Amino acid sequence: MRLNPLADPAQAAKQLRETAGRGAQNGPLSVLRDDHLINAYLAWAHELERLIRNYFVEPDLDELYSTRYWQIRAQGSTSPRLYETVIQEATWQFDRLTAVADDLGERVEQLAGDPTATFAVLDTNVFLHCRPLSDFEWGFVAAGSVRVIVPLRVIEELDARRRDRNAEICDRARAGIRLLRDHFTDPSGPRGQLSEHATIEAFVPAGRRDEVVSADTEILETAQELQQFTQRPTLIVTADYGMQLRAAANGLLIAEVPTDYRL
């Protein structure tokens, strides 16, 4: 699930964990019976819906309103399996939503580190139409430390362009993939060191991705998510004028690649 751009990730994780906790195996629902149990469960599910709608963009609620949810609604309080069905469903929802909250917390922690670093999100254009990243001095992005971020969509585009009919583009895409392999193999592992003041890392979004959206849109969404999770300056690094315009329209800062680095 994609977080609402205005949401505070840490607060979302905290509220989701607390509200989901009422469905834990030994939580408040477990001591209720009959109509009290049904009413408390339904109220809890509706509160979870409100919370999910508040914190996430166009959430899929099918997992919240599962087959068991509708069975519980249809059952009377005298059903012999009512308690078992409610507790099973509540426990499953608790486990599922706690995992979402844990993921939010882990992403906040993963993107912590140097509080003065500037995040620089690379456009695919940088790999295909500029000199190798190892040649870059990153002062055009920021005076201090820089965390260079390569979105998963950029890596996928480079993989595809390795078979490009244009031999130069093909070679540059392959060189870009080799550079990335040399600097990191595990997205959750340590960042690679590009230079004295710049590190490099991959960004793999959580949950299902909307692969219908354009590459530019997904790259911009990556920058917006990083800015949201870190509350720090996040720039789009590109030599593509169209991408610069899209970034500006989305309220993002831009670091245009200097002409000295362009091919």
C-alpha atoms as a PDB file:
ATOM      1  CA  MET A   1       0.000   0.000   0.000  1.00  0.00           C
ATOM      2  CA  ARG A   2       1.289   3.448  -0.933  1.00  0.00           C
ATOM      3  CA  LEU A   3       1.302   5.979   1.874  1.00  0.00           C
ATOM      4  CA  ASN A   4      -0.707   9.183   1.537  1.00  0.00           C
ATOM      5  CA  PRO A   5       1.763  11.961   0.588  1.00  0.00           C
ATOM      6  CA  LEU A   6       0.637  14.070   3.564  1.00  0.00           C
ATOM      7  CA  ALA A   7       0.916  11.250   6.115  1.00  0.00           C
ATOM      8  CA  ASP A   8       3.633  10.974   8.738  1.00  0.00           C
ATOM      9  CA  PRO A   9       5.080   7.453   8.288  1.00  0.00           C
ATOM     10  CA  ALA A  10       6.058   7.027  11.949  1.00  0.00           C
ATOM     11  CA  GLN A  11       2.620   8.170  13.148  1.00  0.00           C
ATOM     12  CA  ALA A  12       0.886   5.919  10.607  1.00  0.00           C
ATOM     13  CA  ALA A  13       2.886   2.917  11.838  1.00  0.00           C
ATOM     14  CA  LYS A  14       2.096   3.722  15.474  1.00  0.00           C
ATOM     15  CA  GLN A  15      -1.670   4.143  14.973  1.00  0.00           C
ATOM     16  CA  LEU A  16      -1.949   1.124  12.698  1.00  0.00           C
ATOM     17  CA  ARG A  17      -0.095  -1.061  15.199  1.00  0.00           C
ATOM     18  CA  GLU A  18      -2.207   0.175  18.135  1.00  0.00           C
ATOM     19  CA  THR A  19      -5.562  -0.238  16.364  1.00  0.00           C
ATOM     20  CA  ALA A  20      -4.672  -3.608  14.857  1.00  0.00           C
ATOM     21  CA  GLY A  21      -3.537  -4.735  18.316  1.00  0.00           C
ATOM     22  CA  ARG A  22      -7.131  -4.915  19.510  1.00  0.00           C
ATOM     23  CA  GLY A  23      -7.494  -7.972  17.291  1.00  0.00           C
ATOM     24  CA  ALA A  24      -4.512  -9.810  18.761  1.00  0.00           C
ATOM     25  CA  GLN A  25      -5.125 -13.317  20.041  1.00  0.00           C
ATOM     26  CA  ASN A  26      -5.287 -12.117  23.659  1.00  0.00           C
ATOM     27  CA  GLY A  27      -6.656  -8.659  22.835  1.00  0.00           C
ATOM     28  CA  PRO A  28      -9.940  -6.999  23.899  1.00  0.00           C
ATOM     29  CA  LEU A  29     -12.048  -8.942  21.378  1.00  0.00           C
ATOM     30  CA  SER A  30     -11.028 -12.286  22.894  1.00  0.00           C
ATOM     31  CA  VAL A  31     -12.975 -11.698  26.123  1.00  0.00           C
ATOM     32  CA  LEU A  32     -16.321 -10.922  24.428  1.00  0.00           C
ATOM     33  CA  ARG A  33     -19.113 -13.296  23.434  1.00  0.00           C
ATOM     34  CA  ASP A  34     -22.286 -13.409  21.347  1.00  0.00           C
ATOM     35  CA  ASP A  35     -23.740 -10.091  20.070  1.00  0.00           C
ATOM     36  CA  HIS A  36     -21.111  -8.101  21.966  1.00  0.00           C
ATOM     37  CA  LEU A  37     -18.403  -9.943  20.051  1.00  0.00           C
ATOM     38  CA  ILE A  38     -20.023  -9.396  16.640  1.00  0.00           C
ATOM     39  CA  ASN A  39     -20.662  -5.702  17.274  1.00  0.00           C
ATOM     40  CA  ALA A  40     -17.156  -5.093  18.636  1.00  0.00           C
ATOM     41  CA  TYR A  41     -15.558  -6.908  15.706  1.00  0.00           C
ATOM     42  CA  LEU A  42     -17.583  -4.991  13.095  1.00  0.00           C
ATOM     43  CA  ALA A  43     -16.835  -1.666  14.781  1.00  0.00           C
ATOM     44  CA  TRP A  44     -13.126  -2.568  14.868  1.00  0.00           C
ATOM     45  CA  ALA A  45     -13.117  -3.475  11.164  1.00  0.00           C
ATOM     46  CA  HIS A  46     -14.788  -0.173  10.271  1.00  0.00           C
ATOM     47  CA  GLU A  47     -12.258   1.743  12.378  1.00  0.00           C
ATOM     48  CA  LEU A  48      -9.469  -0.039  10.543  1.00  0.00           C
ATOM     49  CA  GLU A  49     -11.040   0.973   7.230  1.00  0.00           C
ATOM     50  CA  ARG A  50     -11.126   4.619   8.299  1.00  0.00           C
ATOM     51  CA  LEU A  51      -7.492   4.444   9.380  1.00  0.00           C
ATOM     52  CA  ILE A  52      -6.364   2.725   6.166  1.00  0.00           C
ATOM     53  CA  ARG A  53      -8.249   5.197   3.972  1.00  0.00           C
ATOM     54  CA  ASN A  54      -6.725   8.079   5.926  1.00  0.00           C
ATOM     55  CA  TYR A  55      -3.121   6.922   5.607  1.00  0.00           C
ATOM     56  CA  PHE A  56      -2.962   5.135   2.243  1.00  0.00           C
ATOM     57  CA  VAL A  57      -3.695   6.065  -1.365  1.00  0.00           C
ATOM     58  CA  GLU A  58      -6.570   4.133  -2.961  1.00  0.00           C
ATOM     59  CA  PRO A  59      -6.153   1.120  -0.658  1.00  0.00           C
ATOM     60  CA  ASP A  60      -7.470  -2.293  -1.664  1.00  0.00           C
ATOM     61  CA  LEU A  61      -9.951  -3.188   1.087  1.00  0.00           C
ATOM     62  CA  ASP A  62     -10.720  -6.701  -0.143  1.00  0.00           C
ATOM     63  CA  GLU A  63      -8.345  -8.205   2.426  1.00  0.00           C
ATOM     64  CA  LEU A  64     -10.008  -6.279   5.245  1.00  0.00           C
ATOM     65  CA  TYR A  65     -13.510  -7.249   4.117  1.00  0.00           C
ATOM     66  CA  SER A  66     -12.598 -10.869   3.527  1.00  0.00           C
ATOM     67  CA  THR A  67     -14.809 -13.919   3.074  1.00  0.00           C
ATOM     68  CA  ARG A  68     -14.701 -14.514   6.836  1.00  0.00           C
ATOM     69  CA  TYR A  69     -15.825 -10.914   7.468  1.00  0.00           C
ATOM     70  CA  TRP A  70     -18.991 -11.491   5.454  1.00  0.00           C
ATOM     71  CA  GLN A  71     -19.532 -14.854   7.138  1.00  0.00           C
ATOM     72  CA  ILE A  72     -19.361 -13.158  10.538  1.00  0.00           C
ATOM     73  CA  ARG A  73     -21.866 -10.510   9.456  1.00  0.00           C
ATOM     74  CA  ALA A  74     -24.243 -13.223   8.278  1.00  0.00           C
ATOM     75  CA  GLN A  75     -23.931 -15.437  11.362  1.00  0.00           C
ATOM     76  CA  GLY A  76     -26.216 -15.059  14.347  1.00  0.00           C
ATOM     77  CA  SER A  77     -24.894 -14.809  17.882  1.00  0.00           C
ATOM     78  CA  THR A  78     -25.987 -18.419  18.544  1.00  0.00           C
ATOM     79  CA  SER A  79     -23.755 -19.876  15.821  1.00  0.00           C
ATOM     80  CA  PRO A  80     -21.546 -22.561  17.420  1.00  0.00           C
ATOM     81  CA  ARG A  81     -18.432 -21.418  15.518  1.00  0.00           C
ATOM     82  CA  LEU A  82     -18.914 -17.664  15.914  1.00  0.00           C
ATOM     83  CA  TYR A  83     -16.172 -17.128  18.508  1.00  0.00           C
ATOM     84  CA  GLU A  84     -13.653 -19.281  16.636  1.00  0.00           C
ATOM     85  CA  THR A  85     -14.346 -17.528  13.307  1.00  0.00           C
ATOM     86  CA  VAL A  86     -14.052 -14.017  14.766  1.00  0.00           C
ATOM     87  CA  ILE A  87     -10.826 -14.745  16.635  1.00  0.00           C
ATOM     88  CA  GLN A  88      -9.257 -16.402  13.582  1.00  0.00           C
ATOM     89  CA  GLU A  89     -10.149 -13.450  11.365  1.00  0.00           C
ATOM     90  CA  ALA A  90      -9.110 -10.830  13.935  1.00  0.00           C
ATOM     91  CA  THR A  91      -5.781 -12.574  14.522  1.00  0.00           C
ATOM     92  CA  TRP A  92      -5.123 -12.765  10.773  1.00  0.00           C
ATOM     93  CA  GLN A  93      -5.898  -9.061  10.359  1.00  0.00           C
ATOM     94  CA  PHE A  94      -3.683  -8.234  13.330  1.00  0.00           C
ATOM     95  CA  ASP A  95      -0.746 -10.162  11.825  1.00  0.00           C
ATOM     96  CA  ARG A  96      -1.289  -8.639   8.363  1.00  0.00           C
ATOM     97  CA  LEU A  97      -1.553  -5.022   9.504  1.00  0.00           C
ATOM     98  CA  THR A  98       1.248  -5.342  12.047  1.00  0.00           C
ATOM     99  CA  ALA A  99       3.468  -6.436   9.138  1.00  0.00           C
ATOM    100  CA  VAL A 100       2.459  -3.259   7.250  1.00  0.00           C
ATOM    101  CA  ALA A 101       3.256  -1.137  10.323  1.00  0.00           C
ATOM    102  CA  ASP A 102       6.593  -2.931  10.781  1.00  0.00           C
ATOM    103  CA  ASP A 103       7.467  -2.270   7.135  1.00  0.00           C
ATOM    104  CA  LEU A 104       6.782   1.449   7.577  1.00  0.00           C
ATOM    105  CA  GLY A 105       8.977   1.520  10.675  1.00  0.00           C
ATOM    106  CA  GLU A 106      11.778  -0.383   8.945  1.00  0.00           C
ATOM    107  CA  ARG A 107      11.748   2.017   6.000  1.00  0.00           C
ATOM    108  CA  VAL A 108      11.980   5.008   8.323  1.00  0.00           C
ATOM    109  CA  GLU A 109      14.940   3.348  10.070  1.00  0.00           C
ATOM    110  CA  GLN A 110      16.615   2.288   6.800  1.00  0.00           C
ATOM    111  CA  LEU A 111      16.467   5.843   5.449  1.00  0.00           C
ATOM    112  CA  ALA A 112      17.830   7.340   8.641  1.00  0.00           C
ATOM    113  CA  GLY A 113      21.576   7.753   9.027  1.00  0.00           C
ATOM    114  CA  ASP A 114      23.410  10.972   8.274  1.00  0.00           C
ATOM    115  CA  PRO A 115      20.849  13.714   9.123  1.00  0.00           C
ATOM    116  CA  THR A 116      22.656  16.193   6.887  1.00  0.00           C
ATOM    117  CA  ALA A 117      22.721  14.056   3.724  1.00  0.00           C
ATOM    118  CA  THR A 118      20.891  15.146   0.592  1.00  0.00           C
ATOM    119  CA  PHE A 119      19.023  12.456  -1.338  1.00  0.00           C
ATOM    120  CA  ALA A 120      19.639  12.400  -5.095  1.00  0.00           C
ATOM    121  CA  VAL A 121      17.259  10.228  -7.150  1.00  0.00           C
ATOM    122  CA  LEU A 122      18.706   9.261 -10.522  1.00  0.00           C
ATOM    123  CA  ASP A 123      16.782   9.337 -13.781  1.00  0.00           C
ATOM    124  CA  THR A 124      17.585   6.581 -16.310  1.00  0.00           C
ATOM    125  CA  ASN A 125      18.810   9.341 -18.622  1.00  0.00           C
ATOM    126  CA  VAL A 126      21.891   9.808 -16.409  1.00  0.00           C
ATOM    127  CA  PHE A 127      23.109   6.278 -17.175  1.00  0.00           C
ATOM    128  CA  LEU A 128      22.379   6.420 -20.908  1.00  0.00           C
ATOM    129  CA  HIS A 129      23.445   9.926 -21.880  1.00  0.00           C
ATOM    130  CA  CYS A 130      26.109  10.906 -19.338  1.00  0.00           C
ATOM    131  CA  ARG A 131      29.573   9.809 -18.303  1.00  0.00           C
ATOM    132  CA  PRO A 132      29.895   6.965 -15.751  1.00  0.00           C
ATOM    133  CA  LEU A 133      28.824   7.818 -12.211  1.00  0.00           C
ATOM    134  CA  SER A 134      32.342   7.078 -11.022  1.00  0.00           C
ATOM    135  CA  ASP A 135      33.449  10.232 -12.905  1.00  0.00           C
ATOM    136  CA  PHE A 136      30.962  12.496 -11.105  1.00  0.00           C
ATOM    137  CA  GLU A 137      31.782  15.030  -8.448  1.00  0.00           C
ATOM    138  CA  TRP A 138      28.499  15.506  -6.595  1.00  0.00           C
ATOM    139  CA  GLY A 139      28.899  19.151  -5.638  1.00  0.00           C
ATOM    140  CA  PHE A 140      26.279  20.089  -8.234  1.00  0.00           C
ATOM    141  CA  VAL A 141      23.746  18.264  -6.032  1.00  0.00           C
ATOM    142  CA  ALA A 142      24.842  19.472  -2.586  1.00  0.00           C
ATOM    143  CA  ALA A 143      27.883  20.835  -0.788  1.00  0.00           C
ATOM    144  CA  GLY A 144      27.824  18.083   1.848  1.00  0.00           C
ATOM    145  CA  SER A 145      27.185  14.340   1.793  1.00  0.00           C
ATOM    146  CA  VAL A 146      24.915  12.881  -0.905  1.00  0.00           C
ATOM    147  CA  ARG A 147      22.955   9.618  -0.893  1.00  0.00           C
ATOM    148  CA  VAL A 148      22.502   8.620  -4.528  1.00  0.00           C
ATOM    149  CA  ILE A 149      19.304   6.596  -4.979  1.00  0.00           C
ATOM    150  CA  VAL A 150      18.647   4.317  -7.952  1.00  0.00           C
ATOM    151  CA  PRO A 151      14.926   3.451  -8.207  1.00  0.00           C
ATOM    152  CA  LEU A 152      14.013  -0.119  -9.121  1.00  0.00           C
ATOM    153  CA  ARG A 153      12.302   1.189 -12.268  1.00  0.00           C
ATOM    154  CA  VAL A 154      15.608   2.684 -13.449  1.00  0.00           C
ATOM    155  CA  ILE A 155      17.357  -0.663 -12.971  1.00  0.00           C
ATOM    156  CA  GLU A 156      14.590  -2.389 -14.936  1.00  0.00           C
ATOM    157  CA  GLU A 157      14.922   0.141 -17.752  1.00  0.00           C
ATOM    158  CA  LEU A 158      18.691  -0.407 -17.883  1.00  0.00           C
ATOM    159  CA  ASP A 159      18.134  -4.166 -18.055  1.00  0.00           C
ATOM    160  CA  ALA A 160      15.784  -3.669 -21.008  1.00  0.00           C
ATOM    161  CA  ARG A 161      18.149  -1.291 -22.804  1.00  0.00           C
ATOM    162  CA  ARG A 162      21.000  -3.812 -22.688  1.00  0.00           C
ATOM    163  CA  ARG A 163      19.367  -5.253 -25.832  1.00  0.00           C
ATOM    164  CA  ASP A 164      18.863  -1.893 -27.522  1.00  0.00           C
ATOM    165  CA  ARG A 165      19.478  -1.707 -31.280  1.00  0.00           C
ATOM    166  CA  ASN A 166      21.638   1.360 -30.705  1.00  0.00           C
ATOM    167  CA  ALA A 167      25.035  -0.114 -29.852  1.00  0.00           C
ATOM    168  CA  GLU A 168      26.127   2.908 -27.777  1.00  0.00           C
ATOM    169  CA  ILE A 169      22.955   2.858 -25.651  1.00  0.00           C
ATOM    170  CA  CYS A 170      23.315  -0.910 -25.263  1.00  0.00           C
ATOM    171  CA  ASP A 171      26.909  -0.544 -24.039  1.00  0.00           C
ATOM    172  CA  ARG A 172      26.040   2.267 -21.613  1.00  0.00           C
ATOM    173  CA  ALA A 173      23.136   0.297 -20.144  1.00  0.00           C
ATOM    174  CA  ARG A 174      25.420  -2.703 -19.598  1.00  0.00           C
ATOM    175  CA  ALA A 175      28.079  -0.483 -18.040  1.00  0.00           C
ATOM    176  CA  GLY A 176      25.454   1.000 -15.725  1.00  0.00           C
ATOM    177  CA  ILE A 177      24.315  -2.444 -14.574  1.00  0.00           C
ATOM    178  CA  ARG A 178      27.938  -3.484 -13.977  1.00  0.00           C
ATOM    179  CA  LEU A 179      28.553  -0.377 -11.873  1.00  0.00           C
ATOM    180  CA  LEU A 180      25.460  -1.091  -9.779  1.00  0.00           C
ATOM    181  CA  ARG A 181      26.463  -4.737  -9.288  1.00  0.00           C
ATOM    182  CA  ASP A 182      29.908  -3.621  -8.182  1.00  0.00           C
ATOM    183  CA  HIS A 183      28.454  -1.291  -5.545  1.00  0.00           C
ATOM    184  CA  PHE A 184      25.559  -3.307  -4.127  1.00  0.00           C
ATOM    185  CA  THR A 185      23.821  -6.661  -4.482  1.00  0.00           C
ATOM    186  CA  ASP A 186      21.301  -6.471  -1.631  1.00  0.00           C
ATOM    187  CA  PRO A 187      18.865  -3.501  -1.410  1.00  0.00           C
ATOM    188  CA  SER A 188      18.765  -3.903   2.375  1.00  0.00           C
ATOM    189  CA  GLY A 189      22.550  -4.166   2.656  1.00  0.00           C
ATOM    190  CA  PRO A 190      25.151  -1.439   3.173  1.00  0.00           C
ATOM    191  CA  ARG A 191      25.343   1.478   0.765  1.00  0.00           C
ATOM    192  CA  GLY A 192      28.065   1.491  -1.863  1.00  0.00           C
ATOM    193  CA  GLN A 193      30.689   4.240  -1.791  1.00  0.00           C
ATOM    194  CA  LEU A 194      30.820   6.288  -5.003  1.00  0.00           C
ATOM    195  CA  SER A 195      33.207   8.944  -3.755  1.00  0.00           C
ATOM    196  CA  GLU A 196      34.368  10.520  -0.506  1.00  0.00           C
ATOM    197  CA  HIS A 197      31.058  12.338  -0.028  1.00  0.00           C
ATOM    198  CA  ALA A 198      28.623  10.184  -2.034  1.00  0.00           C
ATOM    199  CA  THR A 199      27.089   6.750  -1.461  1.00  0.00           C
ATOM    200  CA  ILE A 200      24.802   4.774  -3.772  1.00  0.00           C
ATOM    201  CA  GLU A 201      21.905   2.426  -3.029  1.00  0.00           C
ATOM    202  CA  ALA A 202      18.854   0.879  -4.691  1.00  0.00           C
ATOM    203  CA  PHE A 203      15.312   1.797  -3.716  1.00  0.00           C
ATOM    204  CA  VAL A 204      12.785  -1.034  -3.912  1.00  0.00           C
ATOM    205  CA  PRO A 205       9.218   0.081  -3.113  1.00  0.00           C
ATOM    206  CA  ALA A 206       7.167  -1.915  -0.630  1.00  0.00           C
ATOM    207  CA  GLY A 207       4.081  -3.864  -1.667  1.00  0.00           C
ATOM    208  CA  ARG A 208       2.563  -4.209  -5.114  1.00  0.00           C
ATOM    209  CA  ARG A 209       3.669  -1.784  -7.825  1.00  0.00           C
ATOM    210  CA  ASP A 210       1.517  -0.166 -10.475  1.00  0.00           C
ATOM    211  CA  GLU A 211       3.551  -1.178 -13.526  1.00  0.00           C
ATOM    212  CA  VAL A 212       1.101   0.585 -15.837  1.00  0.00           C
ATOM    213  CA  VAL A 213       2.424   4.006 -14.826  1.00  0.00           C
ATOM    214  CA  SER A 214       5.223   5.553 -16.864  1.00  0.00           C
ATOM    215  CA  ALA A 215       8.846   5.247 -15.801  1.00  0.00           C
ATOM    216  CA  ASP A 216       9.029   8.998 -15.160  1.00  0.00           C
ATOM    217  CA  THR A 217       5.981   8.838 -12.878  1.00  0.00           C
ATOM    218  CA  GLU A 218       7.424   5.980 -10.815  1.00  0.00           C
ATOM    219  CA  ILE A 219      10.791   7.739 -10.487  1.00  0.00           C
ATOM    220  CA  LEU A 220       9.062  10.928  -9.315  1.00  0.00           C
ATOM    221  CA  GLU A 221       6.959   8.930  -6.831  1.00  0.00           C
ATOM    222  CA  THR A 222      10.179   7.408  -5.468  1.00  0.00           C
ATOM    223  CA  ALA A 223      11.579  10.891  -4.828  1.00  0.00           C
ATOM    224  CA  GLN A 224       8.333  11.997  -3.166  1.00  0.00           C
ATOM    225  CA  GLU A 225       8.298   8.921  -0.926  1.00  0.00           C
ATOM    226  CA  LEU A 226      11.916   9.457   0.104  1.00  0.00           C
ATOM    227  CA  GLN A 227      11.198  13.076   0.946  1.00  0.00           C
ATOM    228  CA  GLN A 228       8.174  12.014   2.972  1.00  0.00           C
ATOM    229  CA  PHE A 229      10.025   9.330   4.936  1.00  0.00           C
ATOM    230  CA  THR A 230      13.158  11.371   5.611  1.00  0.00           C
ATOM    231  CA  GLN A 231      11.853  14.947   5.825  1.00  0.00           C
ATOM    232  CA  ARG A 232      15.074  15.928   4.046  1.00  0.00           C
ATOM    233  CA  PRO A 233      15.915  17.557   0.700  1.00  0.00           C
ATOM    234  CA  THR A 234      15.389  15.121  -2.177  1.00  0.00           C
ATOM    235  CA  LEU A 235      16.382  16.035  -5.724  1.00  0.00           C
ATOM    236  CA  ILE A 236      15.801  14.511  -9.138  1.00  0.00           C
ATOM    237  CA  VAL A 237      19.125  14.195 -10.974  1.00  0.00           C
ATOM    238  CA  THR A 238      18.605  14.323 -14.732  1.00  0.00           C
ATOM    239  CA  ALA A 239      19.806  15.776 -18.013  1.00  0.00           C
ATOM    240  CA  ASP A 240      16.323  15.397 -19.537  1.00  0.00           C
ATOM    241  CA  TYR A 241      14.439  18.684 -19.869  1.00  0.00           C
ATOM    242  CA  GLY A 242      11.065  16.928 -19.947  1.00  0.00           C
ATOM    243  CA  MET A 243      11.837  15.186 -16.656  1.00  0.00           C
ATOM    244  CA  GLN A 244      12.917  18.521 -15.183  1.00  0.00           C
ATOM    245  CA  LEU A 245       9.525  19.995 -16.060  1.00  0.00           C
ATOM    246  CA  ARG A 246       7.660  17.014 -14.563  1.00  0.00           C
ATOM    247  CA  ALA A 247       9.704  17.193 -11.366  1.00  0.00           C
ATOM    248  CA  ALA A 248       9.029  20.909 -10.985  1.00  0.00           C
ATOM    249  CA  ALA A 249       5.298  20.341 -11.574  1.00  0.00           C
ATOM    250  CA  ASN A 250       5.349  17.811  -8.707  1.00  0.00           C
ATOM    251  CA  GLY A 251       7.066  20.225  -6.332  1.00  0.00           C
ATOM    252  CA  LEU A 252      10.426  18.426  -6.405  1.00  0.00           C
ATOM    253  CA  LEU A 253      13.858  19.991  -6.503  1.00  0.00           C
ATOM    254  CA  ILE A 254      16.055  19.362  -9.542  1.00  0.00           C
ATOM    255  CA  ALA A 255      19.787  18.851  -9.967  1.00  0.00           C
ATOM    256  CA  GLU A 256      20.533  19.244 -13.661  1.00  0.00           C
ATOM    257  CA  VAL A 257      23.578  17.229 -14.755  1.00  0.00           C
ATOM    258  CA  PRO A 258      26.315  19.706 -15.783  1.00  0.00           C
ATOM    259  CA  THR A 259      27.219  19.731 -19.468  1.00  0.00           C
ATOM    260  CA  ASP A 260      30.749  18.515 -18.634  1.00  0.00           C
ATOM    261  CA  TYR A 261      29.275  15.153 -17.616  1.00  0.00           C
ATOM    262  CA  ARG A 262      27.044  14.722 -20.682  1.00  0.00           C
ATOM    263  CA  LEU A 263      27.918  12.635 -23.719  1.00  0.00           C
END
